[in-house]
Amino acid sequence: MTNPRYISTRGQAPALGFEDVLLAGLARDGGLYVPEIWPQFSADDIRAMKDLSYPALAQKIMAPFIGDAIPSADLK
């Protein structure tokens, strides 16, 4: 797993990790934090999700946005 970075939509605040963005809310420059690199899901990935329970689906989708900040077992 990686540690995704988040950047401000206004481009004037430092890039931060998930935990820092979660605690900061808005960026210092008033922008919103968005992923620097958006996770990609293939058509096969999405098809494989169709039978997952809601909590399992949420974990599968959120994991790439969170990275190692929250261990997978805790995210469940």
PDB file of N, CA and C in Angstrom:
ATOM      1  N   MET A   1       0.857  -1.183   0.000  1.00  0.00           N
ATOM      2  CA  MET A   1       0.000   0.000   0.000  1.00  0.00           C
ATOM      3  C   MET A   1       0.894   1.235   0.000  1.00  0.00           C
ATOM      4  N   THR A   2       0.375   2.290  -0.483  1.00  0.00           N
ATOM      5  CA  THR A   2       1.121   3.545  -0.579  1.00  0.00           C
ATOM      6  C   THR A   2       0.583   4.554   0.429  1.00  0.00           C
ATOM      7  N   ASN A   3       1.222   5.676   0.475  1.00  0.00           N
ATOM      8  CA  ASN A   3       0.741   6.781   1.298  1.00  0.00           C
ATOM      9  C   ASN A   3       0.351   7.907   0.365  1.00  0.00           C
ATOM     10  N   PRO A   4      -0.922   7.960  -0.031  1.00  0.00           N
ATOM     11  CA  PRO A   4      -1.345   8.991  -0.978  1.00  0.00           C
ATOM     12  C   PRO A   4      -1.170  10.389  -0.403  1.00  0.00           C
ATOM     13  N   ARG A   5      -0.902  11.330  -1.284  1.00  0.00           N
ATOM     14  CA  ARG A   5      -0.753  12.725  -0.909  1.00  0.00           C
ATOM     15  C   ARG A   5      -1.951  13.497  -1.454  1.00  0.00           C
ATOM     16  N   TYR A   6      -2.307  14.535  -0.762  1.00  0.00           N
ATOM     17  CA  TYR A   6      -3.433  15.376  -1.157  1.00  0.00           C
ATOM     18  C   TYR A   6      -2.938  16.792  -1.397  1.00  0.00           C
ATOM     19  N   ILE A   7      -3.442  17.422  -2.455  1.00  0.00           N
ATOM     20  CA  ILE A   7      -3.051  18.781  -2.819  1.00  0.00           C
ATOM     21  C   ILE A   7      -4.274  19.693  -2.778  1.00  0.00           C
ATOM     22  N   SER A   8      -4.020  20.965  -2.605  1.00  0.00           N
ATOM     23  CA  SER A   8      -5.100  21.954  -2.559  1.00  0.00           C
ATOM     24  C   SER A   8      -5.576  22.298  -3.967  1.00  0.00           C
ATOM     25  N   THR A   9      -6.864  22.518  -4.103  1.00  0.00           N
ATOM     26  CA  THR A   9      -7.412  22.940  -5.393  1.00  0.00           C
ATOM     27  C   THR A   9      -6.928  24.335  -5.774  1.00  0.00           C
ATOM     28  N   ARG A  10      -6.438  25.097  -4.817  1.00  0.00           N
ATOM     29  CA  ARG A  10      -5.916  26.437  -5.116  1.00  0.00           C
ATOM     30  C   ARG A  10      -4.408  26.430  -5.342  1.00  0.00           C
ATOM     31  N   GLY A  11      -3.751  25.311  -5.046  1.00  0.00           N
ATOM     32  CA  GLY A  11      -2.343  25.147  -5.358  1.00  0.00           C
ATOM     33  C   GLY A  11      -1.345  25.925  -4.523  1.00  0.00           C
ATOM     34  N   GLN A  12      -1.778  26.507  -3.411  1.00  0.00           N
ATOM     35  CA  GLN A  12      -0.872  27.331  -2.612  1.00  0.00           C
ATOM     36  C   GLN A  12      -0.594  26.751  -1.228  1.00  0.00           C
ATOM     37  N   ALA A  13      -1.049  25.545  -0.957  1.00  0.00           N
ATOM     38  CA  ALA A  13      -0.824  24.897   0.339  1.00  0.00           C
ATOM     39  C   ALA A  13       0.050  23.667   0.109  1.00  0.00           C
ATOM     40  N   PRO A  14       0.789  23.252   1.131  1.00  0.00           N
ATOM     41  CA  PRO A  14       1.640  22.075   0.961  1.00  0.00           C
ATOM     42  C   PRO A  14       0.810  20.801   0.783  1.00  0.00           C
ATOM     43  N   ALA A  15       1.377  19.838   0.058  1.00  0.00           N
ATOM     44  CA  ALA A  15       0.738  18.525  -0.081  1.00  0.00           C
ATOM     45  C   ALA A  15       0.820  17.822   1.273  1.00  0.00           C
ATOM     46  N   LEU A  16      -0.252  17.142   1.639  1.00  0.00           N
ATOM     47  CA  LEU A  16      -0.322  16.466   2.934  1.00  0.00           C
ATOM     48  C   LEU A  16      -0.775  15.030   2.760  1.00  0.00           C
ATOM     49  N   GLY A  17      -0.498  14.204   3.771  1.00  0.00           N
ATOM     50  CA  GLY A  17      -0.982  12.837   3.810  1.00  0.00           C
ATOM     51  C   GLY A  17      -2.416  12.787   4.322  1.00  0.00           C
ATOM     52  N   PHE A  18      -3.010  11.610   4.277  1.00  0.00           N
ATOM     53  CA  PHE A  18      -4.415  11.431   4.640  1.00  0.00           C
ATOM     54  C   PHE A  18      -4.727  11.934   6.049  1.00  0.00           C
ATOM     55  N   GLU A  19      -3.923  11.522   7.039  1.00  0.00           N
ATOM     56  CA  GLU A  19      -4.218  11.907   8.424  1.00  0.00           C
ATOM     57  C   GLU A  19      -4.213  13.425   8.602  1.00  0.00           C
ATOM     58  N   ASP A  20      -3.218  14.078   8.008  1.00  0.00           N
ATOM     59  CA  ASP A  20      -3.131  15.538   8.136  1.00  0.00           C
ATOM     60  C   ASP A  20      -4.297  16.239   7.451  1.00  0.00           C
ATOM     61  N   VAL A  21      -4.705  15.723   6.294  1.00  0.00           N
ATOM     62  CA  VAL A  21      -5.839  16.308   5.570  1.00  0.00           C
ATOM     63  C   VAL A  21      -7.129  16.112   6.358  1.00  0.00           C
ATOM     64  N   LEU A  22      -7.275  14.934   6.942  1.00  0.00           N
ATOM     65  CA  LEU A  22      -8.472  14.639   7.727  1.00  0.00           C
ATOM     66  C   LEU A  22      -8.602  15.612   8.895  1.00  0.00           C
ATOM     67  N   LEU A  23      -7.494  15.898   9.544  1.00  0.00           N
ATOM     68  CA  LEU A  23      -7.517  16.814  10.688  1.00  0.00           C
ATOM     69  C   LEU A  23      -7.593  18.281  10.267  1.00  0.00           C
ATOM     70  N   ALA A  24      -7.028  18.608   9.108  1.00  0.00           N
ATOM     71  CA  ALA A  24      -6.993  20.004   8.661  1.00  0.00           C
ATOM     72  C   ALA A  24      -8.331  20.486   8.117  1.00  0.00           C
ATOM     73  N   GLY A  25      -9.055  19.607   7.446  1.00  0.00           N
ATOM     74  CA  GLY A  25     -10.287  20.046   6.785  1.00  0.00           C
ATOM     75  C   GLY A  25      -9.935  20.789   5.514  1.00  0.00           C
ATOM     76  N   LEU A  26     -10.103  22.096   5.518  1.00  0.00           N
ATOM     77  CA  LEU A  26      -9.724  22.908   4.358  1.00  0.00           C
ATOM     78  C   LEU A  26      -8.223  23.152   4.351  1.00  0.00           C
ATOM     79  N   ALA A  27      -7.687  23.360   3.164  1.00  0.00           N
ATOM     80  CA  ALA A  27      -6.277  23.708   3.029  1.00  0.00           C
ATOM     81  C   ALA A  27      -6.049  25.122   3.559  1.00  0.00           C
ATOM     82  N   ARG A  28      -4.812  25.433   3.926  1.00  0.00           N
ATOM     83  CA  ARG A  28      -4.482  26.756   4.466  1.00  0.00           C
ATOM     84  C   ARG A  28      -4.797  27.883   3.497  1.00  0.00           C
ATOM     85  N   ASP A  29      -4.781  27.569   2.194  1.00  0.00           N
ATOM     86  CA  ASP A  29      -5.070  28.607   1.193  1.00  0.00           C
ATOM     87  C   ASP A  29      -6.559  28.717   0.882  1.00  0.00           C
ATOM     88  N   GLY A  30      -7.395  27.994   1.647  1.00  0.00           N
ATOM     89  CA  GLY A  30      -8.841  28.045   1.452  1.00  0.00           C
ATOM     90  C   GLY A  30      -9.361  27.056   0.431  1.00  0.00           C
ATOM     91  N   GLY A  31      -8.469  26.298  -0.190  1.00  0.00           N
ATOM     92  CA  GLY A  31      -8.885  25.303  -1.176  1.00  0.00           C
ATOM     93  C   GLY A  31      -9.319  23.996  -0.524  1.00  0.00           C
ATOM     94  N   LEU A  32      -9.795  23.116  -1.344  1.00  0.00           N
ATOM     95  CA  LEU A  32     -10.155  21.773  -0.905  1.00  0.00           C
ATOM     96  C   LEU A  32      -9.002  20.835  -1.213  1.00  0.00           C
ATOM     97  N   TYR A  33      -8.788  19.860  -0.356  1.00  0.00           N
ATOM     98  CA  TYR A  33      -7.760  18.864  -0.637  1.00  0.00           C
ATOM     99  C   TYR A  33      -8.336  17.764  -1.521  1.00  0.00           C
ATOM    100  N   VAL A  34      -7.611  17.433  -2.564  1.00  0.00           N
ATOM    101  CA  VAL A  34      -7.975  16.347  -3.485  1.00  0.00           C
ATOM    102  C   VAL A  34      -6.741  15.470  -3.665  1.00  0.00           C
ATOM    103  N   PRO A  35      -6.930  14.202  -4.042  1.00  0.00           N
ATOM    104  CA  PRO A  35      -5.767  13.330  -4.226  1.00  0.00           C
ATOM    105  C   PRO A  35      -4.832  13.863  -5.314  1.00  0.00           C
ATOM    106  N   GLU A  36      -3.545  13.769  -5.048  1.00  0.00           N
ATOM    107  CA  GLU A  36      -2.545  14.156  -6.042  1.00  0.00           C
ATOM    108  C   GLU A  36      -2.620  13.211  -7.246  1.00  0.00           C
ATOM    109  N   ILE A  37      -2.817  11.925  -6.960  1.00  0.00           N
ATOM    110  CA  ILE A  37      -3.007  10.902  -7.994  1.00  0.00           C
ATOM    111  C   ILE A  37      -4.284  10.146  -7.646  1.00  0.00           C
ATOM    112  N   TRP A  38      -5.231  10.125  -8.578  1.00  0.00           N
ATOM    113  CA  TRP A  38      -6.510   9.464  -8.324  1.00  0.00           C
ATOM    114  C   TRP A  38      -6.370   7.952  -8.489  1.00  0.00           C
ATOM    115  N   PRO A  39      -6.840   7.181  -7.500  1.00  0.00           N
ATOM    116  CA  PRO A  39      -6.824   5.725  -7.646  1.00  0.00           C
ATOM    117  C   PRO A  39      -7.656   5.304  -8.861  1.00  0.00           C
ATOM    118  N   GLN A  40      -7.226   4.247  -9.509  1.00  0.00           N
ATOM    119  CA  GLN A  40      -7.923   3.743 -10.692  1.00  0.00           C
ATOM    120  C   GLN A  40      -8.536   2.380 -10.386  1.00  0.00           C
ATOM    121  N   PHE A  41      -9.744   2.172 -10.843  1.00  0.00           N
ATOM    122  CA  PHE A  41     -10.409   0.876 -10.742  1.00  0.00           C
ATOM    123  C   PHE A  41     -10.739   0.429 -12.156  1.00  0.00           C
ATOM    124  N   SER A  42     -10.305  -0.769 -12.507  1.00  0.00           N
ATOM    125  CA  SER A  42     -10.595  -1.297 -13.845  1.00  0.00           C
ATOM    126  C   SER A  42     -12.038  -1.792 -13.894  1.00  0.00           C
ATOM    127  N   ALA A  43     -12.507  -2.071 -15.087  1.00  0.00           N
ATOM    128  CA  ALA A  43     -13.858  -2.627 -15.244  1.00  0.00           C
ATOM    129  C   ALA A  43     -13.959  -3.954 -14.503  1.00  0.00           C
ATOM    130  N   ASP A  44     -12.902  -4.758 -14.542  1.00  0.00           N
ATOM    131  CA  ASP A  44     -12.905  -6.031 -13.810  1.00  0.00           C
ATOM    132  C   ASP A  44     -12.966  -5.803 -12.304  1.00  0.00           C
ATOM    133  N   ASP A  45     -12.241  -4.798 -11.813  1.00  0.00           N
ATOM    134  CA  ASP A  45     -12.295  -4.461 -10.384  1.00  0.00           C
ATOM    135  C   ASP A  45     -13.729  -4.117  -9.980  1.00  0.00           C
ATOM    136  N   ILE A  46     -14.381  -3.315 -10.782  1.00  0.00           N
ATOM    137  CA  ILE A  46     -15.745  -2.872 -10.472  1.00  0.00           C
ATOM    138  C   ILE A  46     -16.721  -4.039 -10.532  1.00  0.00           C
ATOM    139  N   ARG A  47     -16.576  -4.894 -11.536  1.00  0.00           N
ATOM    140  CA  ARG A  47     -17.446  -6.079 -11.613  1.00  0.00           C
ATOM    141  C   ARG A  47     -17.263  -6.973 -10.389  1.00  0.00           C
ATOM    142  N   ALA A  48     -16.036  -7.099  -9.913  1.00  0.00           N
ATOM    143  CA  ALA A  48     -15.757  -7.939  -8.745  1.00  0.00           C
ATOM    144  C   ALA A  48     -16.382  -7.372  -7.473  1.00  0.00           C
ATOM    145  N   MET A  49     -16.724  -6.096  -7.467  1.00  0.00           N
ATOM    146  CA  MET A  49     -17.315  -5.453  -6.290  1.00  0.00           C
ATOM    147  C   MET A  49     -18.825  -5.635  -6.197  1.00  0.00           C
ATOM    148  N   LYS A  50     -19.463  -6.122  -7.240  1.00  0.00           N
ATOM    149  CA  LYS A  50     -20.930  -6.115  -7.285  1.00  0.00           C
ATOM    150  C   LYS A  50     -21.600  -6.950  -6.204  1.00  0.00           C
ATOM    151  N   ASP A  51     -20.935  -7.962  -5.700  1.00  0.00           N
ATOM    152  CA  ASP A  51     -21.550  -8.813  -4.685  1.00  0.00           C
ATOM    153  C   ASP A  51     -21.053  -8.524  -3.271  1.00  0.00           C
ATOM    154  N   LEU A  52     -20.251  -7.495  -3.108  1.00  0.00           N
ATOM    155  CA  LEU A  52     -19.736  -7.160  -1.783  1.00  0.00           C
ATOM    156  C   LEU A  52     -20.826  -6.515  -0.930  1.00  0.00           C
ATOM    157  N   SER A  53     -20.722  -6.727   0.374  1.00  0.00           N
ATOM    158  CA  SER A  53     -21.618  -6.032   1.296  1.00  0.00           C
ATOM    159  C   SER A  53     -21.248  -4.549   1.282  1.00  0.00           C
ATOM    160  N   TYR A  54     -22.138  -3.713   1.794  1.00  0.00           N
ATOM    161  CA  TYR A  54     -21.855  -2.274   1.813  1.00  0.00           C
ATOM    162  C   TYR A  54     -20.563  -1.957   2.567  1.00  0.00           C
ATOM    163  N   PRO A  55     -20.359  -2.516   3.781  1.00  0.00           N
ATOM    164  CA  PRO A  55     -19.103  -2.214   4.486  1.00  0.00           C
ATOM    165  C   PRO A  55     -17.862  -2.691   3.722  1.00  0.00           C
ATOM    166  N   ALA A  56     -17.927  -3.869   3.111  1.00  0.00           N
ATOM    167  CA  ALA A  56     -16.784  -4.388   2.347  1.00  0.00           C
ATOM    168  C   ALA A  56     -16.528  -3.530   1.110  1.00  0.00           C
ATOM    169  N   LEU A  57     -17.597  -3.072   0.465  1.00  0.00           N
ATOM    170  CA  LEU A  57     -17.470  -2.201  -0.706  1.00  0.00           C
ATOM    171  C   LEU A  57     -16.839  -0.864  -0.310  1.00  0.00           C
ATOM    172  N   ALA A  58     -17.303  -0.302   0.788  1.00  0.00           N
ATOM    173  CA  ALA A  58     -16.747   0.967   1.266  1.00  0.00           C
ATOM    174  C   ALA A  58     -15.260   0.826   1.566  1.00  0.00           C
ATOM    175  N   GLN A  59     -14.870  -0.269   2.201  1.00  0.00           N
ATOM    176  CA  GLN A  59     -13.458  -0.498   2.505  1.00  0.00           C
ATOM    177  C   GLN A  59     -12.643  -0.618   1.227  1.00  0.00           C
ATOM    178  N   LYS A  60     -13.148  -1.358   0.264  1.00  0.00           N
ATOM    179  CA  LYS A  60     -12.443  -1.574  -1.005  1.00  0.00           C
ATOM    180  C   LYS A  60     -12.228  -0.247  -1.744  1.00  0.00           C
ATOM    181  N   ILE A  61     -13.237   0.611  -1.725  1.00  0.00           N
ATOM    182  CA  ILE A  61     -13.140   1.891  -2.428  1.00  0.00           C
ATOM    183  C   ILE A  61     -12.276   2.893  -1.657  1.00  0.00           C
ATOM    184  N   MET A  62     -12.398   2.929  -0.349  1.00  0.00           N
ATOM    185  CA  MET A  62     -11.663   3.913   0.452  1.00  0.00           C
ATOM    186  C   MET A  62     -10.187   3.577   0.641  1.00  0.00           C
ATOM    187  N   ALA A  63      -9.838   2.296   0.645  1.00  0.00           N
ATOM    188  CA  ALA A  63      -8.463   1.875   0.939  1.00  0.00           C
ATOM    189  C   ALA A  63      -7.405   2.606   0.109  1.00  0.00           C
ATOM    190  N   PRO A  64      -7.563   2.747  -1.211  1.00  0.00           N
ATOM    191  CA  PRO A  64      -6.523   3.448  -1.971  1.00  0.00           C
ATOM    192  C   PRO A  64      -6.416   4.942  -1.630  1.00  0.00           C
ATOM    193  N   PHE A  65      -7.471   5.528  -1.110  1.00  0.00           N
ATOM    194  CA  PHE A  65      -7.437   6.941  -0.730  1.00  0.00           C
ATOM    195  C   PHE A  65      -6.766   7.134   0.634  1.00  0.00           C
ATOM    196  N   ILE A  66      -6.825   6.110   1.469  1.00  0.00           N
ATOM    197  CA  ILE A  66      -6.306   6.175   2.833  1.00  0.00           C
ATOM    198  C   ILE A  66      -4.868   5.687   2.917  1.00  0.00           C
ATOM    199  N   GLY A  67      -4.519   4.696   2.099  1.00  0.00           N
ATOM    200  CA  GLY A  67      -3.168   4.140   2.111  1.00  0.00           C
ATOM    201  C   GLY A  67      -2.875   3.437   3.419  1.00  0.00           C
ATOM    202  N   ASP A  68      -1.670   3.660   3.942  1.00  0.00           N
ATOM    203  CA  ASP A  68      -1.237   3.005   5.179  1.00  0.00           C
ATOM    204  C   ASP A  68      -1.634   3.778   6.433  1.00  0.00           C
ATOM    205  N   ALA A  69      -2.330   4.888   6.278  1.00  0.00           N
ATOM    206  CA  ALA A  69      -2.686   5.723   7.432  1.00  0.00           C
ATOM    207  C   ALA A  69      -3.591   4.985   8.411  1.00  0.00           C
ATOM    208  N   ILE A  70      -4.463   4.134   7.905  1.00  0.00           N
ATOM    209  CA  ILE A  70      -5.335   3.310   8.745  1.00  0.00           C
ATOM    210  C   ILE A  70      -5.129   1.871   8.302  1.00  0.00           C
ATOM    211  N   PRO A  71      -4.657   0.994   9.187  1.00  0.00           N
ATOM    212  CA  PRO A  71      -4.460  -0.405   8.798  1.00  0.00           C
ATOM    213  C   PRO A  71      -5.761  -1.025   8.286  1.00  0.00           C
ATOM    214  N   SER A  72      -5.633  -1.907   7.313  1.00  0.00           N
ATOM    215  CA  SER A  72      -6.799  -2.532   6.684  1.00  0.00           C
ATOM    216  C   SER A  72      -7.720  -3.185   7.710  1.00  0.00           C
ATOM    217  N   ALA A  73      -7.138  -3.854   8.699  1.00  0.00           N
ATOM    218  CA  ALA A  73      -7.953  -4.519   9.725  1.00  0.00           C
ATOM    219  C   ALA A  73      -8.772  -3.505  10.522  1.00  0.00           C
ATOM    220  N   ASP A  74      -8.212  -2.327  10.766  1.00  0.00           N
ATOM    221  CA  ASP A  74      -8.931  -1.285  11.507  1.00  0.00           C
ATOM    222  C   ASP A  74      -9.995  -0.619  10.644  1.00  0.00           C
ATOM    223  N   LEU A  75      -9.743  -0.555   9.352  1.00  0.00           N
ATOM    224  CA  LEU A  75     -10.697   0.067   8.434  1.00  0.00           C
ATOM    225  C   LEU A  75     -11.979  -0.752   8.334  1.00  0.00           C
ATOM    226  N   LYS A  76     -11.853  -2.052   8.547  1.00  0.00           N
ATOM    227  CA  LYS A  76     -13.031  -2.928   8.494  1.00  0.00           C
ATOM    228  C   LYS A  76     -13.976  -2.570   9.605  1.00  0.00           C
TER     229      LYS A  76
END
